[in-house]
Amino acid sequence: GALAVHALRRAVGDDAFFSILRGWTTERRD
């Protein structure tokens, strides 16, 4: 699972990757 997360990071770049994480935890909160 962690390997897949980092593969996603390498594929989309840091800016998009951390935008995905922050947006996901905001949109799906609770």
PDB file of all heavy atoms in Angstrom:
ATOM      1  N   GLY A   1       0.818  -1.208   0.000  1.00  0.00           N
ATOM      2  CA  GLY A   1       0.000   0.000   0.000  1.00  0.00           C
ATOM      3  C   GLY A   1       0.849   1.253   0.000  1.00  0.00           C
ATOM      4  O   GLY A   1       0.586   2.207  -0.741  1.00  0.00           O
ATOM      5  N   ALA A   2       1.901   1.272   0.827  1.00  0.00           N
ATOM      6  CA  ALA A   2       2.791   2.437   0.873  1.00  0.00           C
ATOM      7  C   ALA A   2       3.548   2.611  -0.437  1.00  0.00           C
ATOM      8  O   ALA A   2       3.778   3.742  -0.891  1.00  0.00           O
ATOM      9  CB  ALA A   2       3.767   2.308   2.041  1.00  0.00           C
ATOM     10  N   LEU A   3       3.945   1.500  -1.056  1.00  0.00           N
ATOM     11  CA  LEU A   3       4.612   1.591  -2.354  1.00  0.00           C
ATOM     12  C   LEU A   3       3.699   2.241  -3.392  1.00  0.00           C
ATOM     13  O   LEU A   3       4.142   3.077  -4.194  1.00  0.00           O
ATOM     14  CB  LEU A   3       5.019   0.197  -2.822  1.00  0.00           C
ATOM     15  CG  LEU A   3       6.174  -0.478  -2.076  1.00  0.00           C
ATOM     16  CD1 LEU A   3       6.306  -1.933  -2.501  1.00  0.00           C
ATOM     17  CD2 LEU A   3       7.483   0.265  -2.301  1.00  0.00           C
ATOM     18  N   ALA A   4       2.423   1.877  -3.375  1.00  0.00           N
ATOM     19  CA  ALA A   4       1.471   2.466  -4.316  1.00  0.00           C
ATOM     20  C   ALA A   4       1.320   3.965  -4.076  1.00  0.00           C
ATOM     21  O   ALA A   4       1.211   4.752  -5.025  1.00  0.00           O
ATOM     22  CB  ALA A   4       0.120   1.767  -4.198  1.00  0.00           C
ATOM     23  N   VAL A   5       1.324   4.363  -2.817  1.00  0.00           N
ATOM     24  CA  VAL A   5       1.209   5.787  -2.500  1.00  0.00           C
ATOM     25  C   VAL A   5       2.407   6.550  -3.077  1.00  0.00           C
ATOM     26  O   VAL A   5       2.257   7.612  -3.694  1.00  0.00           O
ATOM     27  CB  VAL A   5       1.088   5.993  -0.979  1.00  0.00           C
ATOM     28  CG1 VAL A   5       1.146   7.476  -0.631  1.00  0.00           C
ATOM     29  CG2 VAL A   5      -0.211   5.386  -0.457  1.00  0.00           C
ATOM     30  N   HIS A   6       3.597   6.006  -2.882  1.00  0.00           N
ATOM     31  CA  HIS A   6       4.776   6.722  -3.395  1.00  0.00           C
ATOM     32  C   HIS A   6       4.838   6.680  -4.921  1.00  0.00           C
ATOM     33  O   HIS A   6       5.302   7.640  -5.554  1.00  0.00           O
ATOM     34  CB  HIS A   6       6.059   6.147  -2.806  1.00  0.00           C
ATOM     35  CG  HIS A   6       7.262   7.011  -3.059  1.00  0.00           C
ATOM     36  ND1 HIS A   6       7.370   8.289  -2.556  1.00  0.00           N
ATOM     37  CD2 HIS A   6       8.393   6.796  -3.792  1.00  0.00           C
ATOM     38  CE1 HIS A   6       8.516   8.833  -2.943  1.00  0.00           C
ATOM     39  NE2 HIS A   6       9.160   7.939  -3.706  1.00  0.00           N
ATOM     40  N   ALA A   7       4.384   5.581  -5.508  1.00  0.00           N
ATOM     41  CA  ALA A   7       4.328   5.522  -6.971  1.00  0.00           C
ATOM     42  C   ALA A   7       3.411   6.610  -7.514  1.00  0.00           C
ATOM     43  O   ALA A   7       3.711   7.237  -8.545  1.00  0.00           O
ATOM     44  CB  ALA A   7       3.859   4.143  -7.420  1.00  0.00           C
ATOM     45  N   LEU A   8       2.301   6.838  -6.839  1.00  0.00           N
ATOM     46  CA  LEU A   8       1.401   7.930  -7.231  1.00  0.00           C
ATOM     47  C   LEU A   8       2.124   9.263  -7.127  1.00  0.00           C
ATOM     48  O   LEU A   8       2.022  10.112  -8.029  1.00  0.00           O
ATOM     49  CB  LEU A   8       0.162   7.919  -6.333  1.00  0.00           C
ATOM     50  CG  LEU A   8      -0.808   9.084  -6.503  1.00  0.00           C
ATOM     51  CD1 LEU A   8      -1.423   9.077  -7.898  1.00  0.00           C
ATOM     52  CD2 LEU A   8      -1.902   9.021  -5.432  1.00  0.00           C
ATOM     53  N   ARG A   9       2.871   9.457  -6.056  1.00  0.00           N
ATOM     54  CA  ARG A   9       3.611  10.711  -5.878  1.00  0.00           C
ATOM     55  C   ARG A   9       4.608  10.928  -7.010  1.00  0.00           C
ATOM     56  O   ARG A   9       4.706  12.017  -7.578  1.00  0.00           O
ATOM     57  CB  ARG A   9       4.321  10.700  -4.529  1.00  0.00           C
ATOM     58  CG  ARG A   9       5.144  11.945  -4.234  1.00  0.00           C
ATOM     59  CD  ARG A   9       5.808  11.836  -2.861  1.00  0.00           C
ATOM     60  NE  ARG A   9       6.634  13.002  -2.555  1.00  0.00           N
ATOM     61  CZ  ARG A   9       7.306  13.138  -1.414  1.00  0.00           C
ATOM     62  NH1 ARG A   9       7.251  12.189  -0.488  1.00  0.00           N
ATOM     63  NH2 ARG A   9       8.037  14.227  -1.207  1.00  0.00           N
ATOM     64  N   ARG A  10       5.348   9.869  -7.356  1.00  0.00           N
ATOM     65  CA  ARG A  10       6.338   9.997  -8.422  1.00  0.00           C
ATOM     66  C   ARG A  10       5.681  10.260  -9.768  1.00  0.00           C
ATOM     67  O   ARG A  10       6.236  10.959 -10.619  1.00  0.00           O
ATOM     68  CB  ARG A  10       7.195   8.734  -8.477  1.00  0.00           C
ATOM     69  CG  ARG A  10       8.129   8.603  -7.275  1.00  0.00           C
ATOM     70  CD  ARG A  10       8.911   7.311  -7.269  1.00  0.00           C
ATOM     71  NE  ARG A  10       9.782   7.181  -8.434  1.00  0.00           N
ATOM     72  CZ  ARG A  10      10.891   6.426  -8.446  1.00  0.00           C
ATOM     73  NH1 ARG A  10      11.263   5.788  -7.342  1.00  0.00           N
ATOM     74  NH2 ARG A  10      11.618   6.330  -9.539  1.00  0.00           N
ATOM     75  N   ALA A  11       4.488   9.716  -9.953  1.00  0.00           N
ATOM     76  CA  ALA A  11       3.816   9.860 -11.249  1.00  0.00           C
ATOM     77  C   ALA A  11       3.235  11.255 -11.454  1.00  0.00           C
ATOM     78  O   ALA A  11       3.272  11.786 -12.570  1.00  0.00           O
ATOM     79  CB  ALA A  11       2.719   8.809 -11.376  1.00  0.00           C
ATOM     80  N   VAL A  12       2.692  11.860 -10.390  1.00  0.00           N
ATOM     81  CA  VAL A  12       1.982  13.136 -10.564  1.00  0.00           C
ATOM     82  C   VAL A  12       2.784  14.330 -10.075  1.00  0.00           C
ATOM     83  O   VAL A  12       2.421  15.482 -10.359  1.00  0.00           O
ATOM     84  CB  VAL A  12       0.606  13.110  -9.862  1.00  0.00           C
ATOM     85  CG1 VAL A  12      -0.238  11.957 -10.370  1.00  0.00           C
ATOM     86  CG2 VAL A  12       0.750  13.048  -8.333  1.00  0.00           C
ATOM     87  N   GLY A  13       3.873  14.104  -9.328  1.00  0.00           N
ATOM     88  CA  GLY A  13       4.661  15.205  -8.789  1.00  0.00           C
ATOM     89  C   GLY A  13       4.170  15.644  -7.424  1.00  0.00           C
ATOM     90  O   GLY A  13       3.007  15.421  -7.053  1.00  0.00           O
ATOM     91  N   ASP A  14       5.056  16.282  -6.663  1.00  0.00           N
ATOM     92  CA  ASP A  14       4.735  16.628  -5.279  1.00  0.00           C
ATOM     93  C   ASP A  14       3.544  17.566  -5.150  1.00  0.00           C
ATOM     94  O   ASP A  14       2.701  17.396  -4.258  1.00  0.00           O
ATOM     95  CB  ASP A  14       5.954  17.252  -4.597  1.00  0.00           C
ATOM     96  CG  ASP A  14       6.937  16.203  -4.108  1.00  0.00           C
ATOM     97  OD1 ASP A  14       6.778  15.015  -4.465  1.00  0.00           O
ATOM     98  OD2 ASP A  14       7.864  16.570  -3.361  1.00  0.00           O
ATOM     99  N   ASP A  15       3.458  18.584  -5.983  1.00  0.00           N
ATOM    100  CA  ASP A  15       2.368  19.550  -5.834  1.00  0.00           C
ATOM    101  C   ASP A  15       1.021  18.872  -5.983  1.00  0.00           C
ATOM    102  O   ASP A  15       0.114  19.046  -5.145  1.00  0.00           O
ATOM    103  CB  ASP A  15       2.510  20.677  -6.851  1.00  0.00           C
ATOM    104  CG  ASP A  15       3.665  21.616  -6.542  1.00  0.00           C
ATOM    105  OD1 ASP A  15       4.203  21.547  -5.409  1.00  0.00           O
ATOM    106  OD2 ASP A  15       4.033  22.420  -7.426  1.00  0.00           O
ATOM    107  N   ALA A  16       0.842  18.104  -7.037  1.00  0.00           N
ATOM    108  CA  ALA A  16      -0.429  17.426  -7.259  1.00  0.00           C
ATOM    109  C   ALA A  16      -0.663  16.360  -6.194  1.00  0.00           C
ATOM    110  O   ALA A  16      -1.794  16.190  -5.706  1.00  0.00           O
ATOM    111  CB  ALA A  16      -0.471  16.800  -8.649  1.00  0.00           C
ATOM    112  N   PHE A  17       0.403  15.650  -5.812  1.00  0.00           N
ATOM    113  CA  PHE A  17       0.263  14.576  -4.831  1.00  0.00           C
ATOM    114  C   PHE A  17      -0.270  15.098  -3.507  1.00  0.00           C
ATOM    115  O   PHE A  17      -1.260  14.583  -2.968  1.00  0.00           O
ATOM    116  CB  PHE A  17       1.610  13.895  -4.631  1.00  0.00           C
ATOM    117  CG  PHE A  17       1.628  12.858  -3.542  1.00  0.00           C
ATOM    118  CD1 PHE A  17       1.040  11.622  -3.731  1.00  0.00           C
ATOM    119  CD2 PHE A  17       2.254  13.122  -2.325  1.00  0.00           C
ATOM    120  CE1 PHE A  17       1.059  10.659  -2.725  1.00  0.00           C
ATOM    121  CE2 PHE A  17       2.283  12.169  -1.319  1.00  0.00           C
ATOM    122  CZ  PHE A  17       1.681  10.935  -1.524  1.00  0.00           C
ATOM    123  N   PHE A  18       0.365  16.114  -2.958  1.00  0.00           N
ATOM    124  CA  PHE A  18      -0.085  16.605  -1.657  1.00  0.00           C
ATOM    125  C   PHE A  18      -1.413  17.358  -1.776  1.00  0.00           C
ATOM    126  O   PHE A  18      -2.193  17.396  -0.810  1.00  0.00           O
ATOM    127  CB  PHE A  18       1.004  17.450  -1.002  1.00  0.00           C
ATOM    128  CG  PHE A  18       2.147  16.609  -0.482  1.00  0.00           C
ATOM    129  CD1 PHE A  18       3.393  16.625  -1.101  1.00  0.00           C
ATOM    130  CD2 PHE A  18       1.968  15.771   0.601  1.00  0.00           C
ATOM    131  CE1 PHE A  18       4.434  15.850  -0.643  1.00  0.00           C
ATOM    132  CE2 PHE A  18       3.009  14.972   1.077  1.00  0.00           C
ATOM    133  CZ  PHE A  18       4.248  15.005   0.455  1.00  0.00           C
ATOM    134  N   SER A  19      -1.716  17.893  -2.934  1.00  0.00           N
ATOM    135  CA  SER A  19      -3.054  18.455  -3.152  1.00  0.00           C
ATOM    136  C   SER A  19      -4.107  17.357  -3.116  1.00  0.00           C
ATOM    137  O   SER A  19      -5.205  17.540  -2.564  1.00  0.00           O
ATOM    138  CB  SER A  19      -3.115  19.186  -4.495  1.00  0.00           C
ATOM    139  OG  SER A  19      -2.338  20.364  -4.469  1.00  0.00           O
ATOM    140  N   ILE A  20      -3.783  16.202  -3.689  1.00  0.00           N
ATOM    141  CA  ILE A  20      -4.699  15.062  -3.634  1.00  0.00           C
ATOM    142  C   ILE A  20      -4.946  14.650  -2.188  1.00  0.00           C
ATOM    143  O   ILE A  20      -6.100  14.463  -1.765  1.00  0.00           O
ATOM    144  CB  ILE A  20      -4.131  13.879  -4.448  1.00  0.00           C
ATOM    145  CG1 ILE A  20      -4.194  14.184  -5.943  1.00  0.00           C
ATOM    146  CG2 ILE A  20      -4.900  12.596  -4.139  1.00  0.00           C
ATOM    147  CD1 ILE A  20      -3.419  13.196  -6.797  1.00  0.00           C
ATOM    148  N   LEU A  21      -3.880  14.519  -1.405  1.00  0.00           N
ATOM    149  CA  LEU A  21      -4.042  14.059  -0.020  1.00  0.00           C
ATOM    150  C   LEU A  21      -4.845  15.053   0.805  1.00  0.00           C
ATOM    151  O   LEU A  21      -5.773  14.675   1.535  1.00  0.00           O
ATOM    152  CB  LEU A  21      -2.678  13.818   0.626  1.00  0.00           C
ATOM    153  CG  LEU A  21      -1.763  12.771  -0.020  1.00  0.00           C
ATOM    154  CD1 LEU A  21      -0.665  12.371   0.957  1.00  0.00           C
ATOM    155  CD2 LEU A  21      -2.525  11.554  -0.475  1.00  0.00           C
ATOM    156  N   ARG A  22      -4.510  16.329   0.704  1.00  0.00           N
ATOM    157  CA  ARG A  22      -5.218  17.326   1.509  1.00  0.00           C
ATOM    158  C   ARG A  22      -6.666  17.470   1.056  1.00  0.00           C
ATOM    159  O   ARG A  22      -7.583  17.610   1.885  1.00  0.00           O
ATOM    160  CB  ARG A  22      -4.485  18.668   1.441  1.00  0.00           C
ATOM    161  CG  ARG A  22      -3.176  18.679   2.232  1.00  0.00           C
ATOM    162  CD  ARG A  22      -2.592  20.086   2.328  1.00  0.00           C
ATOM    163  NE  ARG A  22      -2.060  20.523   1.041  1.00  0.00           N
ATOM    164  CZ  ARG A  22      -0.778  20.380   0.675  1.00  0.00           C
ATOM    165  NH1 ARG A  22       0.077  19.786   1.490  1.00  0.00           N
ATOM    166  NH2 ARG A  22      -0.369  20.823  -0.496  1.00  0.00           N
ATOM    167  N   GLY A  23      -6.899  17.427  -0.239  1.00  0.00           N
ATOM    168  CA  GLY A  23      -8.266  17.539  -0.726  1.00  0.00           C
ATOM    169  C   GLY A  23      -9.109  16.331  -0.379  1.00  0.00           C
ATOM    170  O   GLY A  23     -10.289  16.452  -0.027  1.00  0.00           O
ATOM    171  N   TRP A  24      -8.519  15.149  -0.486  1.00  0.00           N
ATOM    172  CA  TRP A  24      -9.223  13.913  -0.164  1.00  0.00           C
ATOM    173  C   TRP A  24      -9.668  13.896   1.301  1.00  0.00           C
ATOM    174  O   TRP A  24     -10.815  13.584   1.605  1.00  0.00           O
ATOM    175  CB  TRP A  24      -8.303  12.728  -0.446  1.00  0.00           C
ATOM    176  CG  TRP A  24      -8.799  11.390   0.014  1.00  0.00           C
ATOM    177  CD1 TRP A  24      -8.344  10.666   1.071  1.00  0.00           C
ATOM    178  CD2 TRP A  24      -9.819  10.592  -0.600  1.00  0.00           C
ATOM    179  NE1 TRP A  24      -9.009   9.472   1.168  1.00  0.00           N
ATOM    180  CE2 TRP A  24      -9.919   9.403   0.160  1.00  0.00           C
ATOM    181  CE3 TRP A  24     -10.645  10.770  -1.701  1.00  0.00           C
ATOM    182  CZ2 TRP A  24     -10.829   8.386  -0.170  1.00  0.00           C
ATOM    183  CZ3 TRP A  24     -11.556   9.753  -2.027  1.00  0.00           C
ATOM    184  CH2 TRP A  24     -11.635   8.588  -1.268  1.00  0.00           C
ATOM    185  N   THR A  25      -8.766  14.242   2.214  1.00  0.00           N
ATOM    186  CA  THR A  25      -9.126  14.209   3.631  1.00  0.00           C
ATOM    187  C   THR A  25     -10.131  15.304   3.985  1.00  0.00           C
ATOM    188  O   THR A  25     -10.867  15.177   4.968  1.00  0.00           O
ATOM    189  CB  THR A  25      -7.877  14.346   4.513  1.00  0.00           C
ATOM    190  OG1 THR A  25      -7.191  15.570   4.199  1.00  0.00           O
ATOM    191  CG2 THR A  25      -6.935  13.168   4.304  1.00  0.00           C
ATOM    192  N   THR A  26     -10.178  16.361   3.192  1.00  0.00           N
ATOM    193  CA  THR A  26     -11.175  17.411   3.418  1.00  0.00           C
ATOM    194  C   THR A  26     -12.531  17.010   2.851  1.00  0.00           C
ATOM    195  O   THR A  26     -13.561  17.099   3.533  1.00  0.00           O
ATOM    196  CB  THR A  26     -10.724  18.735   2.767  1.00  0.00           C
ATOM    197  OG1 THR A  26      -9.504  19.154   3.369  1.00  0.00           O
ATOM    198  CG2 THR A  26     -11.779  19.819   2.948  1.00  0.00           C
ATOM    199  N   GLU A  27     -12.543  16.531   1.621  1.00  0.00           N
ATOM    200  CA  GLU A  27     -13.802  16.197   0.964  1.00  0.00           C
ATOM    201  C   GLU A  27     -14.502  15.023   1.625  1.00  0.00           C
ATOM    202  O   GLU A  27     -15.721  14.978   1.709  1.00  0.00           O
ATOM    203  CB  GLU A  27     -13.555  15.894  -0.517  1.00  0.00           C
ATOM    204  CG  GLU A  27     -14.820  15.622  -1.312  1.00  0.00           C
ATOM    205  CD  GLU A  27     -14.568  15.553  -2.800  1.00  0.00           C
ATOM    206  OE1 GLU A  27     -14.220  16.598  -3.397  1.00  0.00           O
ATOM    207  OE2 GLU A  27     -14.719  14.461  -3.379  1.00  0.00           O
ATOM    208  N   ARG A  28     -13.742  14.061   2.099  1.00  0.00           N
ATOM    209  CA  ARG A  28     -14.323  12.844   2.680  1.00  0.00           C
ATOM    210  C   ARG A  28     -14.328  12.852   4.213  1.00  0.00           C
ATOM    211  O   ARG A  28     -14.620  11.827   4.836  1.00  0.00           O
ATOM    212  CB  ARG A  28     -13.526  11.633   2.187  1.00  0.00           C
ATOM    213  CG  ARG A  28     -13.704  11.359   0.704  1.00  0.00           C
ATOM    214  CD  ARG A  28     -15.037  10.698   0.445  1.00  0.00           C
ATOM    215  NE  ARG A  28     -15.287  10.508  -0.972  1.00  0.00           N
ATOM    216  CZ  ARG A  28     -16.237   9.711  -1.457  1.00  0.00           C
ATOM    217  NH1 ARG A  28     -17.001   9.039  -0.624  1.00  0.00           N
ATOM    218  NH2 ARG A  28     -16.421   9.605  -2.754  1.00  0.00           N
ATOM    219  N   ARG A  29     -14.027  13.961   4.802  1.00  0.00           N
ATOM    220  CA  ARG A  29     -13.954  14.041   6.265  1.00  0.00           C
ATOM    221  C   ARG A  29     -15.250  13.541   6.913  1.00  0.00           C
ATOM    222  O   ARG A  29     -16.355  13.854   6.464  1.00  0.00           O
ATOM    223  CB  ARG A  29     -13.696  15.486   6.685  1.00  0.00           C
ATOM    224  CG  ARG A  29     -13.560  15.677   8.192  1.00  0.00           C
ATOM    225  CD  ARG A  29     -13.115  17.088   8.523  1.00  0.00           C
ATOM    226  NE  ARG A  29     -13.016  17.297   9.963  1.00  0.00           N
ATOM    227  CZ  ARG A  29     -12.427  18.338  10.542  1.00  0.00           C
ATOM    228  NH1 ARG A  29     -11.877  19.277   9.783  1.00  0.00           N
ATOM    229  NH2 ARG A  29     -12.373  18.439  11.855  1.00  0.00           N
ATOM    230  N   ASP A  30     -15.095  12.730   7.949  1.00  0.00           N
ATOM    231  CA  ASP A  30     -16.202  12.177   8.740  1.00  0.00           C
ATOM    232  C   ASP A  30     -17.025  11.150   7.978  1.00  0.00           C
ATOM    233  O   ASP A  30     -18.095  10.743   8.454  1.00  0.00           O
ATOM    234  CB  ASP A  30     -17.136  13.279   9.257  1.00  0.00           C
ATOM    235  CG  ASP A  30     -16.468  14.201  10.261  1.00  0.00           C
ATOM    236  OD1 ASP A  30     -15.487  13.771  10.895  1.00  0.00           O
ATOM    237  OD2 ASP A  30     -16.916  15.353  10.402  1.00  0.00           O
TER     238      ASP A  30
END
